[in-house]
Each structure stands twice: as structure tokens, then as C-alpha cells.
Amino acid sequence: MASKQSAATLRKVLLKAENNEARDRLEKALLKAQEIAAHNEVPNFTQITLEFQVSLSTLGHHFNGCASKREDGLKHHILPPMAEKALVDFLLEAARRGLPETEERVKEQSAIILQNLFDDPTATVGQNWVRHFLQHHPGSLKKCWGTPQTMLQGGAANPETIDHWFKLLNQTIIEYSIVPELIFAMDEMNCFIDKSTRHFKVIGHANQHSQTSLKNEN
């Protein structure tokens, strides 16, 4: 029997395939209507929609030059696409390293990006911007429960976690050319990075139910 996660993944794949097929049919229908109009003839939209199995209103909107909902939504994005992608990459990396950001912190960071891009110290994002931002990236990010490291130390001593930590350490050493003389080791037992023992919401990977955090919500 397939797990809930694998079933959900399958549904996403099927939905994406259906959306791509529908988009292809719409493009073919629009191309045919434009070819007919190019010969100074009036396209029979009802016949074309039946042939390609597309929505009559959607085909009419595209034929008349109206933007799709996705294109119209992109125009109203506050952050430019490249800046938004950079923010997504940063949040994914922060979550991967066990330092996920909270919704409030993402809002602050977005405002800083806007202020620097447009040289406007008063620029900010709306109260619901983070929620819409996450909705635009359902395959990458989501708001989930953050579990403090203090609650997980007892179960963290397993090969998978230890290997993951050493891979991160090795990547960091190589990326920043850190020499062995500058690497220090310490026992984490008395290193209280986080004294919180309760769950709180953070921005984590879309495919995780909870997110490990080395810091609390404060």
C-alpha cells in the first residue's frame, strides 16, 4: 500500500501533467483561431473549443490579448522574479542548515530587499504577503512546525543525522577555504543555543511535516 506522501506526490505529478496538456491544447486552439483570422475570416470559436476541448471564455480572452491569471499575477508580484527566487533559495538553505526563518522574519527581509532595490526606506510588504508568497511556491516552501534542537538531542545520534552534519561541515570548509588550524571542536551538551521546548511555526521545505531548528522563535 502506497504511503500518504507517495500518494500526494503522485497526485501532484498527475495534476502537473494535466495542466501541461491543457496548456498545449489551448495554444493549438489559439493558433488555429489566429490563422483563420489572418485570412480575414471570423473564427468559429464554438467549433474550435469542441475540437481542442478548451474553455470558450479562456480561448476568447487569449485571442483578444487578455493576460492569463498567471501572467496577470506575475505583474502584481511585489518582488522582481530574480529577487523572489533568491529569497526562496535563501529560505531553503536556511531550513537545510537547521536555521529556518519565521514568517515575521521573512516579512522583514522582504522589506529590506524592496528598500534596497528601489532606494525607498519606507518600502514594505503587506500583512498577508508572506502567505501569498508561500502559495506561489508550493513545491518549494511551506509554513510548518519548528522543533527546537533541545527536544531532539536524544534521538539525533544516528548515522543519517551525523553524516548529514559532516557533509555540511565539509562543504563549508571547501567553500570558504578554511584551514585545519582554524577549526575548533566542542561538546554541544553545554552549548545552549536554544532553551525553548515548545513548537513554533517556521518556513521550511515543502516536503517536510516539521522542521528542526537550532533557535527559537525569538
N, C-alpha and C. Protein backbone atom coordinates (compact mmCIF):
# COMPACT_ATOMS: atom_id res chain seq x y z
N MET A 1 0.85 -1.20 0.00
CA MET A 1 0.00 0.00 0.00
C MET A 1 0.88 1.25 0.00
N ALA A 2 0.59 2.18 -0.90
CA ALA A 2 1.40 3.39 -1.01
C ALA A 2 1.21 4.29 0.20
N SER A 3 2.30 4.95 0.63
CA SER A 3 2.22 5.86 1.76
C SER A 3 1.48 7.12 1.37
N LYS A 4 1.07 7.91 2.38
CA LYS A 4 0.35 9.16 2.11
C LYS A 4 1.23 10.13 1.33
N GLN A 5 2.54 10.14 1.66
CA GLN A 5 3.45 11.07 0.98
C GLN A 5 3.62 10.70 -0.49
N SER A 6 3.78 9.38 -0.79
CA SER A 6 3.94 8.95 -2.17
C SER A 6 2.66 9.19 -2.96
N ALA A 7 1.50 8.99 -2.32
CA ALA A 7 0.22 9.23 -2.99
C ALA A 7 0.05 10.72 -3.31
N ALA A 8 0.45 11.57 -2.38
CA ALA A 8 0.36 13.02 -2.60
C ALA A 8 1.30 13.44 -3.72
N THR A 9 2.50 12.85 -3.76
CA THR A 9 3.45 13.16 -4.83
C THR A 9 2.90 12.74 -6.18
N LEU A 10 2.27 11.58 -6.24
CA LEU A 10 1.67 11.09 -7.48
C LEU A 10 0.57 12.02 -7.96
N ARG A 11 -0.26 12.49 -7.01
CA ARG A 11 -1.33 13.42 -7.38
C ARG A 11 -0.76 14.71 -7.97
N LYS A 12 0.34 15.22 -7.38
CA LYS A 12 0.97 16.44 -7.89
C LYS A 12 1.50 16.23 -9.30
N VAL A 13 2.12 15.07 -9.55
CA VAL A 13 2.66 14.76 -10.88
C VAL A 13 1.55 14.69 -11.91
N LEU A 14 0.46 14.00 -11.54
CA LEU A 14 -0.67 13.87 -12.45
C LEU A 14 -1.32 15.22 -12.74
N LEU A 15 -1.46 16.05 -11.71
CA LEU A 15 -2.06 17.36 -11.88
C LEU A 15 -1.19 18.23 -12.79
N LYS A 16 0.13 18.16 -12.60
CA LYS A 16 1.05 18.93 -13.45
C LYS A 16 0.95 18.48 -14.90
N ALA A 17 0.86 17.16 -15.12
CA ALA A 17 0.74 16.62 -16.48
C ALA A 17 -0.56 17.09 -17.13
N GLU A 18 -1.65 17.09 -16.34
CA GLU A 18 -2.94 17.55 -16.86
C GLU A 18 -2.89 19.02 -17.22
N ASN A 19 -2.25 19.83 -16.38
CA ASN A 19 -2.14 21.26 -16.66
C ASN A 19 -1.31 21.53 -17.92
N ASN A 20 -0.22 20.76 -18.09
CA ASN A 20 0.61 20.93 -19.29
C ASN A 20 -0.15 20.54 -20.54
N GLU A 21 -0.93 19.46 -20.46
CA GLU A 21 -1.72 19.02 -21.61
C GLU A 21 -2.79 20.06 -21.96
N ALA A 22 -3.45 20.60 -20.94
CA ALA A 22 -4.47 21.62 -21.17
C ALA A 22 -3.87 22.87 -21.79
N ARG A 23 -2.65 23.24 -21.34
CA ARG A 23 -1.97 24.41 -21.90
C ARG A 23 -1.62 24.19 -23.37
N ASP A 24 -1.18 22.98 -23.70
CA ASP A 24 -0.84 22.66 -25.10
C ASP A 24 -2.08 22.73 -25.99
N ARG A 25 -3.20 22.20 -25.49
CA ARG A 25 -4.43 22.24 -26.28
C ARG A 25 -4.90 23.67 -26.50
N LEU A 26 -4.76 24.51 -25.47
CA LEU A 26 -5.16 25.90 -25.59
C LEU A 26 -4.28 26.63 -26.60
N GLU A 27 -2.97 26.36 -26.58
CA GLU A 27 -2.07 27.01 -27.53
C GLU A 27 -2.39 26.61 -28.97
N LYS A 28 -2.72 25.34 -29.19
CA LYS A 28 -3.09 24.87 -30.53
C LYS A 28 -4.40 25.50 -30.99
N ALA A 29 -5.36 25.59 -30.08
CA ALA A 29 -6.65 26.21 -30.42
C ALA A 29 -6.48 27.68 -30.76
N LEU A 30 -5.65 28.37 -29.96
CA LEU A 30 -5.40 29.80 -30.21
C LEU A 30 -4.69 30.00 -31.54
N LEU A 31 -3.73 29.14 -31.86
CA LEU A 31 -3.00 29.24 -33.12
C LEU A 31 -3.94 29.06 -34.31
N LYS A 32 -4.86 28.11 -34.21
CA LYS A 32 -5.81 27.89 -35.30
C LYS A 32 -6.73 29.10 -35.48
N ALA A 33 -7.21 29.66 -34.35
CA ALA A 33 -8.08 30.84 -34.43
C ALA A 33 -7.34 32.02 -35.05
N GLN A 34 -6.09 32.20 -34.71
CA GLN A 34 -5.29 33.30 -35.27
C GLN A 34 -5.02 33.10 -36.76
N GLU A 35 -4.81 31.85 -37.17
CA GLU A 35 -4.58 31.56 -38.59
C GLU A 35 -5.84 31.86 -39.41
N ILE A 36 -7.00 31.53 -38.87
CA ILE A 36 -8.27 31.82 -39.56
C ILE A 36 -8.48 33.33 -39.67
N ALA A 37 -8.18 34.04 -38.57
CA ALA A 37 -8.35 35.50 -38.56
C ALA A 37 -7.37 36.17 -39.52
N ALA A 38 -6.19 35.56 -39.72
CA ALA A 38 -5.20 36.13 -40.62
C ALA A 38 -5.67 36.13 -42.07
N HIS A 39 -6.62 35.25 -42.39
CA HIS A 39 -7.19 35.19 -43.74
C HIS A 39 -8.49 36.00 -43.84
N ASN A 40 -8.63 36.96 -42.93
CA ASN A 40 -9.81 37.85 -42.91
C ASN A 40 -11.12 37.09 -42.76
N GLU A 41 -11.07 36.01 -42.01
CA GLU A 41 -12.27 35.24 -41.73
C GLU A 41 -12.54 35.29 -40.22
N VAL A 42 -13.80 35.12 -39.86
CA VAL A 42 -14.17 35.13 -38.44
C VAL A 42 -14.08 33.71 -37.88
N PRO A 43 -13.24 33.49 -36.89
CA PRO A 43 -13.09 32.13 -36.34
C PRO A 43 -14.38 31.65 -35.68
N ASN A 44 -14.70 30.40 -35.88
CA ASN A 44 -15.84 29.79 -35.21
C ASN A 44 -15.33 29.23 -33.87
N PHE A 45 -15.41 30.07 -32.83
CA PHE A 45 -14.83 29.69 -31.53
C PHE A 45 -15.50 28.46 -30.93
N THR A 46 -16.81 28.32 -31.14
CA THR A 46 -17.51 27.15 -30.58
C THR A 46 -16.96 25.87 -31.19
N GLN A 47 -16.76 25.88 -32.50
CA GLN A 47 -16.24 24.69 -33.17
C GLN A 47 -14.79 24.40 -32.74
N ILE A 48 -14.00 25.45 -32.61
CA ILE A 48 -12.60 25.27 -32.22
C ILE A 48 -12.50 24.72 -30.79
N THR A 49 -13.33 25.23 -29.88
CA THR A 49 -13.27 24.75 -28.49
C THR A 49 -13.69 23.28 -28.39
N LEU A 50 -14.65 22.86 -29.23
CA LEU A 50 -15.06 21.46 -29.23
C LEU A 50 -13.96 20.58 -29.80
N GLU A 51 -13.25 21.09 -30.80
CA GLU A 51 -12.18 20.31 -31.44
C GLU A 51 -11.01 20.09 -30.49
N PHE A 52 -10.65 21.14 -29.74
CA PHE A 52 -9.47 21.04 -28.88
C PHE A 52 -9.81 20.87 -27.40
N GLN A 53 -11.12 20.84 -27.10
CA GLN A 53 -11.60 20.63 -25.72
C GLN A 53 -11.00 21.66 -24.75
N VAL A 54 -11.23 22.92 -25.09
CA VAL A 54 -10.78 24.02 -24.24
C VAL A 54 -11.97 24.89 -23.88
N SER A 55 -11.76 25.77 -22.90
CA SER A 55 -12.83 26.67 -22.46
C SER A 55 -13.07 27.77 -23.48
N LEU A 56 -14.34 28.02 -23.78
CA LEU A 56 -14.69 29.06 -24.75
C LEU A 56 -14.26 30.44 -24.26
N SER A 57 -14.53 30.74 -22.98
CA SER A 57 -14.18 32.05 -22.44
C SER A 57 -12.67 32.24 -22.38
N THR A 58 -11.93 31.18 -21.99
CA THR A 58 -10.47 31.28 -21.92
C THR A 58 -9.87 31.52 -23.29
N LEU A 59 -10.34 30.80 -24.29
CA LEU A 59 -9.85 30.99 -25.66
C LEU A 59 -10.15 32.40 -26.14
N GLY A 60 -11.35 32.89 -25.82
CA GLY A 60 -11.73 34.25 -26.23
C GLY A 60 -10.85 35.30 -25.58
N HIS A 61 -10.55 35.13 -24.29
CA HIS A 61 -9.68 36.08 -23.58
C HIS A 61 -8.29 36.12 -24.20
N HIS A 62 -7.73 34.95 -24.49
CA HIS A 62 -6.39 34.90 -25.08
C HIS A 62 -6.39 35.46 -26.50
N PHE A 63 -7.42 35.18 -27.26
CA PHE A 63 -7.50 35.68 -28.63
C PHE A 63 -7.57 37.21 -28.65
N ASN A 64 -8.25 37.78 -27.65
CA ASN A 64 -8.39 39.23 -27.57
C ASN A 64 -7.21 39.91 -26.87
N GLY A 65 -6.18 39.11 -26.53
CA GLY A 65 -4.97 39.69 -25.96
C GLY A 65 -4.99 39.88 -24.46
N CYS A 66 -5.99 39.31 -23.77
CA CYS A 66 -6.05 39.44 -22.32
C CYS A 66 -5.02 38.51 -21.68
N ALA A 67 -4.40 38.97 -20.61
CA ALA A 67 -3.39 38.16 -19.93
C ALA A 67 -4.04 37.04 -19.14
N SER A 68 -3.34 35.91 -19.03
CA SER A 68 -3.84 34.81 -18.21
C SER A 68 -3.74 35.19 -16.74
N LYS A 69 -4.40 34.41 -15.89
CA LYS A 69 -4.35 34.69 -14.45
C LYS A 69 -2.92 34.62 -13.93
N ARG A 70 -2.14 33.66 -14.47
CA ARG A 70 -0.75 33.53 -14.03
C ARG A 70 0.05 34.75 -14.46
N GLU A 71 -0.11 35.17 -15.73
CA GLU A 71 0.64 36.33 -16.22
C GLU A 71 0.22 37.60 -15.48
N ASP A 72 -1.09 37.72 -15.22
CA ASP A 72 -1.57 38.89 -14.51
C ASP A 72 -1.06 38.90 -13.07
N GLY A 73 -0.96 37.70 -12.48
CA GLY A 73 -0.45 37.61 -11.12
C GLY A 73 1.01 38.00 -11.04
N LEU A 74 1.80 37.63 -12.07
CA LEU A 74 3.21 37.98 -12.08
C LEU A 74 3.41 39.49 -12.12
N LYS A 75 2.50 40.20 -12.81
CA LYS A 75 2.61 41.66 -12.88
C LYS A 75 2.44 42.30 -11.50
N HIS A 76 1.69 41.61 -10.64
CA HIS A 76 1.40 42.18 -9.33
C HIS A 76 2.32 41.65 -8.24
N HIS A 77 3.33 40.87 -8.63
CA HIS A 77 4.33 40.45 -7.65
C HIS A 77 5.10 41.68 -7.17
N ILE A 78 5.25 41.80 -5.89
CA ILE A 78 5.97 42.94 -5.34
C ILE A 78 7.46 42.83 -5.64
N LEU A 79 8.03 41.64 -5.40
CA LEU A 79 9.45 41.44 -5.66
C LEU A 79 9.67 41.03 -7.12
N PRO A 80 10.71 41.52 -7.76
CA PRO A 80 11.05 41.04 -9.11
C PRO A 80 11.33 39.55 -9.07
N PRO A 81 11.12 38.84 -10.19
CA PRO A 81 11.31 37.38 -10.21
C PRO A 81 12.67 36.92 -9.69
N MET A 82 13.75 37.60 -10.08
CA MET A 82 15.09 37.18 -9.65
C MET A 82 15.27 37.35 -8.13
N ALA A 83 14.72 38.46 -7.61
CA ALA A 83 14.81 38.70 -6.16
C ALA A 83 13.98 37.67 -5.40
N GLU A 84 12.82 37.33 -5.95
CA GLU A 84 11.96 36.34 -5.30
C GLU A 84 12.62 34.97 -5.30
N LYS A 85 13.27 34.62 -6.42
CA LYS A 85 13.97 33.33 -6.49
C LYS A 85 15.12 33.29 -5.48
N ALA A 86 15.85 34.41 -5.35
CA ALA A 86 16.95 34.47 -4.40
C ALA A 86 16.43 34.28 -2.97
N LEU A 87 15.27 34.85 -2.68
CA LEU A 87 14.68 34.70 -1.34
C LEU A 87 14.28 33.25 -1.09
N VAL A 88 13.70 32.60 -2.10
CA VAL A 88 13.32 31.19 -1.98
C VAL A 88 14.55 30.33 -1.71
N ASP A 89 15.62 30.56 -2.48
CA ASP A 89 16.86 29.79 -2.31
C ASP A 89 17.45 30.00 -0.91
N PHE A 90 17.40 31.24 -0.43
CA PHE A 90 17.93 31.54 0.90
C PHE A 90 17.13 30.81 1.99
N LEU A 91 15.80 30.82 1.88
CA LEU A 91 14.96 30.18 2.88
C LEU A 91 15.15 28.67 2.88
N LEU A 92 15.33 28.09 1.70
CA LEU A 92 15.58 26.65 1.60
C LEU A 92 16.91 26.28 2.25
N GLU A 93 17.94 27.10 1.99
CA GLU A 93 19.25 26.83 2.57
C GLU A 93 19.24 27.02 4.08
N ALA A 94 18.52 28.05 4.55
CA ALA A 94 18.42 28.29 5.99
C ALA A 94 17.74 27.11 6.67
N ALA A 95 16.69 26.58 6.04
CA ALA A 95 15.99 25.43 6.62
C ALA A 95 16.88 24.19 6.59
N ARG A 96 17.65 24.02 5.53
CA ARG A 96 18.53 22.86 5.41
C ARG A 96 19.59 22.85 6.50
N ARG A 97 20.02 24.03 6.93
CA ARG A 97 21.06 24.13 7.96
C ARG A 97 20.48 24.19 9.37
N GLY A 98 19.17 24.01 9.48
CA GLY A 98 18.56 23.99 10.81
C GLY A 98 18.33 25.37 11.39
N LEU A 99 18.33 26.41 10.54
CA LEU A 99 18.10 27.79 11.00
C LEU A 99 16.95 28.41 10.21
N PRO A 100 15.78 27.78 10.21
CA PRO A 100 14.65 28.28 9.43
C PRO A 100 14.15 29.63 9.93
N GLU A 101 13.62 30.41 9.01
CA GLU A 101 13.12 31.73 9.36
C GLU A 101 11.64 31.67 9.70
N THR A 102 11.20 32.58 10.55
CA THR A 102 9.78 32.69 10.88
C THR A 102 9.10 33.60 9.86
N GLU A 103 7.78 33.60 9.88
CA GLU A 103 7.01 34.43 8.95
C GLU A 103 7.34 35.91 9.14
N GLU A 104 7.49 36.32 10.38
CA GLU A 104 7.81 37.72 10.67
C GLU A 104 9.18 38.11 10.11
N ARG A 105 10.15 37.20 10.24
CA ARG A 105 11.49 37.47 9.73
C ARG A 105 11.49 37.54 8.20
N VAL A 106 10.70 36.69 7.54
CA VAL A 106 10.62 36.73 6.07
C VAL A 106 10.01 38.06 5.62
N LYS A 107 9.04 38.54 6.36
CA LYS A 107 8.43 39.83 6.05
C LYS A 107 9.46 40.95 6.18
N GLU A 108 10.27 40.91 7.24
CA GLU A 108 11.31 41.92 7.43
C GLU A 108 12.35 41.87 6.31
N GLN A 109 12.78 40.66 5.95
CA GLN A 109 13.78 40.50 4.90
C GLN A 109 13.25 40.99 3.55
N SER A 110 11.98 40.72 3.26
CA SER A 110 11.37 41.16 2.01
C SER A 110 11.34 42.68 1.94
N ALA A 111 11.03 43.31 3.06
CA ALA A 111 11.01 44.77 3.11
C ALA A 111 12.40 45.35 2.86
N ILE A 112 13.42 44.70 3.42
CA ILE A 112 14.80 45.16 3.22
C ILE A 112 15.19 45.05 1.75
N ILE A 113 14.79 43.95 1.12
CA ILE A 113 15.08 43.76 -0.31
C ILE A 113 14.43 44.87 -1.13
N LEU A 114 13.17 45.17 -0.84
CA LEU A 114 12.46 46.24 -1.55
C LEU A 114 13.14 47.59 -1.35
N GLN A 115 13.50 47.87 -0.13
CA GLN A 115 14.13 49.16 0.18
C GLN A 115 15.44 49.34 -0.57
N ASN A 116 16.21 48.26 -0.71
CA ASN A 116 17.48 48.33 -1.43
C ASN A 116 17.27 48.38 -2.94
N LEU A 117 16.27 47.66 -3.46
CA LEU A 117 16.04 47.64 -4.89
C LEU A 117 15.55 48.99 -5.41
N PHE A 118 14.65 49.62 -4.66
CA PHE A 118 14.01 50.85 -5.13
C PHE A 118 14.47 52.09 -4.39
N ASP A 119 15.51 51.93 -3.54
CA ASP A 119 16.07 53.06 -2.81
C ASP A 119 14.98 53.84 -2.07
N ASP A 120 14.10 53.06 -1.42
CA ASP A 120 12.97 53.65 -0.69
C ASP A 120 12.97 53.09 0.73
N PRO A 121 13.41 53.87 1.71
CA PRO A 121 13.49 53.37 3.09
C PRO A 121 12.14 53.05 3.72
N THR A 122 11.04 53.47 3.08
CA THR A 122 9.71 53.21 3.64
C THR A 122 9.03 52.00 2.99
N ALA A 123 9.68 51.40 1.98
CA ALA A 123 9.06 50.29 1.27
C ALA A 123 8.85 49.10 2.21
N THR A 124 7.73 48.43 2.06
CA THR A 124 7.42 47.27 2.89
C THR A 124 6.45 46.37 2.15
N VAL A 125 6.12 45.24 2.73
CA VAL A 125 5.16 44.32 2.13
C VAL A 125 3.91 44.29 3.00
N GLY A 126 2.80 43.81 2.41
CA GLY A 126 1.54 43.78 3.13
C GLY A 126 1.48 42.72 4.22
N GLN A 127 0.44 42.81 5.02
CA GLN A 127 0.28 41.89 6.15
C GLN A 127 0.17 40.45 5.70
N ASN A 128 -0.45 40.21 4.53
CA ASN A 128 -0.67 38.85 4.04
C ASN A 128 0.31 38.45 2.94
N TRP A 129 1.36 39.25 2.73
CA TRP A 129 2.27 38.98 1.61
C TRP A 129 2.97 37.63 1.76
N VAL A 130 3.43 37.29 2.94
CA VAL A 130 4.16 36.03 3.12
C VAL A 130 3.26 34.84 2.79
N ARG A 131 2.00 34.91 3.17
CA ARG A 131 1.06 33.81 2.88
C ARG A 131 0.91 33.64 1.38
N HIS A 132 0.75 34.75 0.64
CA HIS A 132 0.65 34.67 -0.82
C HIS A 132 1.96 34.21 -1.45
N PHE A 133 3.07 34.65 -0.87
CA PHE A 133 4.40 34.25 -1.36
C PHE A 133 4.56 32.73 -1.27
N LEU A 134 4.14 32.15 -0.16
CA LEU A 134 4.22 30.70 0.00
C LEU A 134 3.29 29.97 -0.96
N GLN A 135 2.13 30.56 -1.23
CA GLN A 135 1.19 29.96 -2.18
C GLN A 135 1.76 29.94 -3.60
N HIS A 136 2.63 30.90 -3.90
CA HIS A 136 3.25 30.95 -5.23
C HIS A 136 4.37 29.92 -5.38
N HIS A 137 4.83 29.36 -4.27
CA HIS A 137 5.93 28.39 -4.31
C HIS A 137 5.56 27.13 -3.50
N PRO A 138 4.46 26.47 -3.88
CA PRO A 138 4.01 25.31 -3.10
C PRO A 138 4.94 24.11 -3.18
N GLY A 139 5.72 24.03 -4.25
CA GLY A 139 6.63 22.90 -4.40
C GLY A 139 7.95 23.06 -3.69
N SER A 140 8.20 24.25 -3.14
CA SER A 140 9.49 24.53 -2.50
C SER A 140 9.37 24.81 -1.01
N LEU A 141 8.42 25.69 -0.65
CA LEU A 141 8.33 26.15 0.74
C LEU A 141 6.94 25.95 1.31
N LYS A 142 6.89 25.87 2.62
CA LYS A 142 5.60 25.88 3.32
C LYS A 142 5.83 26.24 4.77
N LYS A 143 4.78 26.68 5.42
CA LYS A 143 4.83 27.01 6.84
C LYS A 143 4.60 25.72 7.61
N CYS A 144 5.53 25.38 8.49
CA CYS A 144 5.41 24.12 9.23
C CYS A 144 5.89 24.31 10.66
N TRP A 145 5.74 23.26 11.44
CA TRP A 145 6.15 23.32 12.85
C TRP A 145 7.67 23.22 12.95
N GLY A 146 8.25 24.11 13.76
CA GLY A 146 9.67 24.04 14.03
C GLY A 146 9.91 23.36 15.36
N THR A 147 10.79 22.38 15.37
CA THR A 147 11.08 21.64 16.59
C THR A 147 12.45 22.05 17.11
N PRO A 148 12.54 22.61 18.31
CA PRO A 148 13.84 23.03 18.85
C PRO A 148 14.82 21.87 18.97
N GLN A 149 16.09 22.15 18.78
CA GLN A 149 17.12 21.12 18.86
C GLN A 149 17.17 20.48 20.25
N THR A 150 16.80 21.25 21.27
CA THR A 150 16.84 20.70 22.64
C THR A 150 15.88 19.54 22.81
N MET A 151 14.85 19.45 21.98
CA MET A 151 13.89 18.36 22.09
C MET A 151 14.34 17.14 21.28
N LEU A 152 15.37 17.32 20.46
CA LEU A 152 15.76 16.25 19.56
C LEU A 152 17.14 15.67 19.83
N GLN A 153 17.84 16.24 20.79
CA GLN A 153 19.22 15.79 21.01
C GLN A 153 19.30 14.31 21.34
N GLY A 154 18.32 13.81 22.10
CA GLY A 154 18.37 12.40 22.49
C GLY A 154 18.27 11.46 21.30
N GLY A 155 17.49 11.85 20.29
CA GLY A 155 17.31 10.98 19.13
C GLY A 155 18.14 11.37 17.93
N ALA A 156 19.05 12.32 18.12
CA ALA A 156 19.83 12.83 16.98
C ALA A 156 21.06 12.01 16.68
N ALA A 157 21.47 11.16 17.61
CA ALA A 157 22.70 10.39 17.42
C ALA A 157 22.42 9.16 16.56
N ASN A 158 22.20 9.40 15.26
CA ASN A 158 22.01 8.30 14.33
C ASN A 158 22.87 8.57 13.09
N PRO A 159 23.24 7.53 12.34
CA PRO A 159 24.16 7.69 11.19
C PRO A 159 23.70 8.73 10.17
N GLU A 160 22.39 8.78 9.88
CA GLU A 160 21.89 9.71 8.86
C GLU A 160 22.14 11.16 9.27
N THR A 161 21.81 11.50 10.52
CA THR A 161 22.00 12.86 11.01
C THR A 161 23.47 13.23 11.08
N ILE A 162 24.29 12.30 11.59
CA ILE A 162 25.72 12.57 11.72
C ILE A 162 26.38 12.75 10.35
N ASP A 163 26.01 11.88 9.38
CA ASP A 163 26.57 12.01 8.02
C ASP A 163 26.17 13.33 7.39
N HIS A 164 24.90 13.73 7.62
CA HIS A 164 24.42 15.00 7.06
C HIS A 164 25.22 16.16 7.63
N TRP A 165 25.50 16.12 8.94
CA TRP A 165 26.25 17.20 9.59
C TRP A 165 27.66 17.29 9.03
N PHE A 166 28.34 16.14 8.87
CA PHE A 166 29.70 16.15 8.37
C PHE A 166 29.77 16.59 6.90
N LYS A 167 28.72 16.30 6.13
CA LYS A 167 28.67 16.78 4.74
C LYS A 167 28.57 18.30 4.71
N LEU A 168 27.73 18.86 5.59
CA LEU A 168 27.62 20.32 5.68
C LEU A 168 28.94 20.94 6.11
N LEU A 169 29.60 20.31 7.08
CA LEU A 169 30.89 20.81 7.56
C LEU A 169 31.91 20.78 6.43
N ASN A 170 31.96 19.68 5.69
CA ASN A 170 32.92 19.56 4.60
C ASN A 170 32.67 20.59 3.51
N GLN A 171 31.38 20.81 3.18
CA GLN A 171 31.03 21.81 2.17
C GLN A 171 31.46 23.20 2.60
N THR A 172 31.27 23.50 3.88
CA THR A 172 31.64 24.81 4.41
C THR A 172 33.15 25.01 4.37
N ILE A 173 33.89 23.98 4.76
CA ILE A 173 35.36 24.06 4.75
C ILE A 173 35.88 24.32 3.34
N ILE A 174 35.32 23.60 2.37
CA ILE A 174 35.77 23.76 0.98
C ILE A 174 35.36 25.12 0.42
N GLU A 175 34.10 25.52 0.67
CA GLU A 175 33.58 26.78 0.11
C GLU A 175 34.36 27.99 0.60
N TYR A 176 34.73 28.00 1.89
CA TYR A 176 35.40 29.16 2.47
C TYR A 176 36.91 28.94 2.68
N SER A 177 37.42 27.82 2.14
CA SER A 177 38.86 27.52 2.22
C SER A 177 39.38 27.63 3.66
N ILE A 178 38.71 27.00 4.58
CA ILE A 178 39.08 27.05 5.99
C ILE A 178 40.24 26.07 6.25
N VAL A 179 41.31 26.56 6.82
CA VAL A 179 42.47 25.70 7.12
C VAL A 179 42.23 24.98 8.43
N PRO A 180 42.84 23.79 8.61
CA PRO A 180 42.60 23.00 9.83
C PRO A 180 42.89 23.75 11.12
N GLU A 181 43.87 24.69 11.09
CA GLU A 181 44.22 25.42 12.31
C GLU A 181 43.08 26.30 12.82
N LEU A 182 42.12 26.59 11.95
CA LEU A 182 41.00 27.47 12.34
C LEU A 182 39.73 26.69 12.65
N ILE A 183 39.82 25.37 12.72
CA ILE A 183 38.66 24.54 13.04
C ILE A 183 38.72 24.15 14.51
N PHE A 184 37.68 24.50 15.24
CA PHE A 184 37.63 24.21 16.68
C PHE A 184 36.51 23.22 16.95
N ALA A 185 36.68 22.35 17.89
CA ALA A 185 35.67 21.37 18.27
C ALA A 185 35.21 21.62 19.69
N MET A 186 33.94 21.33 19.96
CA MET A 186 33.44 21.49 21.33
C MET A 186 32.30 20.53 21.57
N ASP A 187 32.04 20.26 22.82
CA ASP A 187 30.94 19.39 23.21
C ASP A 187 29.67 20.24 23.24
N GLU A 188 28.61 19.80 22.52
CA GLU A 188 27.39 20.61 22.42
C GLU A 188 26.51 20.52 23.66
N MET A 189 26.83 19.64 24.61
CA MET A 189 25.95 19.43 25.77
C MET A 189 25.69 20.71 26.54
N ASN A 190 26.69 21.58 26.69
CA ASN A 190 26.50 22.81 27.45
C ASN A 190 26.45 24.05 26.57
N CYS A 191 26.20 23.84 25.28
CA CYS A 191 26.08 24.97 24.35
C CYS A 191 24.60 25.23 24.13
N PHE A 192 23.99 26.05 24.99
CA PHE A 192 22.55 26.27 24.95
C PHE A 192 22.19 27.31 23.88
N ILE A 193 22.14 26.85 22.63
CA ILE A 193 21.72 27.75 21.55
C ILE A 193 20.24 28.09 21.72
N ASP A 194 19.48 27.11 22.16
CA ASP A 194 18.03 27.28 22.26
C ASP A 194 17.52 26.61 23.53
N LYS A 195 16.89 27.37 24.40
CA LYS A 195 16.36 26.79 25.64
C LYS A 195 14.85 26.57 25.55
N SER A 196 14.27 26.86 24.39
CA SER A 196 12.83 26.68 24.21
C SER A 196 12.51 25.20 24.05
N THR A 197 11.39 24.77 24.60
CA THR A 197 10.97 23.38 24.47
C THR A 197 9.59 23.26 23.85
N ARG A 198 9.10 24.29 23.21
CA ARG A 198 7.78 24.22 22.59
C ARG A 198 7.88 24.39 21.08
N HIS A 199 6.85 23.91 20.39
CA HIS A 199 6.81 24.00 18.94
C HIS A 199 6.43 25.42 18.51
N PHE A 200 6.88 25.83 17.33
CA PHE A 200 6.51 27.13 16.78
C PHE A 200 6.59 27.04 15.27
N LYS A 201 5.93 27.94 14.58
CA LYS A 201 5.84 27.90 13.12
C LYS A 201 7.05 28.56 12.47
N VAL A 202 7.59 27.89 11.44
CA VAL A 202 8.71 28.42 10.67
C VAL A 202 8.47 28.13 9.20
N ILE A 203 9.32 28.68 8.34
CA ILE A 203 9.25 28.42 6.92
C ILE A 203 10.25 27.32 6.59
N GLY A 204 9.75 26.16 6.16
CA GLY A 204 10.61 25.02 5.89
C GLY A 204 10.39 24.45 4.51
N HIS A 205 11.02 23.30 4.25
CA HIS A 205 10.86 22.62 2.98
C HIS A 205 9.42 22.14 2.80
N ALA A 206 8.95 22.17 1.55
CA ALA A 206 7.56 21.82 1.28
C ALA A 206 7.25 20.35 1.58
N ASN A 207 8.26 19.48 1.49
CA ASN A 207 8.00 18.05 1.67
C ASN A 207 8.24 17.56 3.10
N GLN A 208 8.34 18.48 4.06
CA GLN A 208 8.56 18.10 5.46
C GLN A 208 7.37 18.49 6.33
N HIS A 209 7.05 17.63 7.26
CA HIS A 209 5.95 17.92 8.19
C HIS A 209 6.42 18.83 9.32
N SER A 210 7.67 18.68 9.72
CA SER A 210 8.23 19.54 10.76
C SER A 210 9.64 19.93 10.37
N GLN A 211 10.16 20.91 11.04
CA GLN A 211 11.48 21.45 10.69
C GLN A 211 12.31 21.61 11.95
N THR A 212 13.50 20.97 11.95
CA THR A 212 14.41 21.12 13.07
C THR A 212 14.97 22.54 13.11
N SER A 213 15.06 23.11 14.30
CA SER A 213 15.55 24.47 14.42
C SER A 213 16.58 24.56 15.55
N LEU A 214 17.69 25.26 15.27
CA LEU A 214 18.72 25.48 16.27
C LEU A 214 18.48 26.77 17.06
N LYS A 215 17.34 27.40 16.83
CA LYS A 215 17.00 28.64 17.53
C LYS A 215 15.50 28.64 17.76
N ASN A 216 15.04 29.45 18.73
CA ASN A 216 13.62 29.51 18.97
C ASN A 216 13.00 30.68 18.20
N GLU A 217 11.70 30.90 18.41
CA GLU A 217 11.00 31.92 17.65
C GLU A 217 11.44 33.34 17.99
N ASN A 218 12.18 33.51 19.08
CA ASN A 218 12.65 34.84 19.48
C ASN A 218 14.06 35.12 18.98
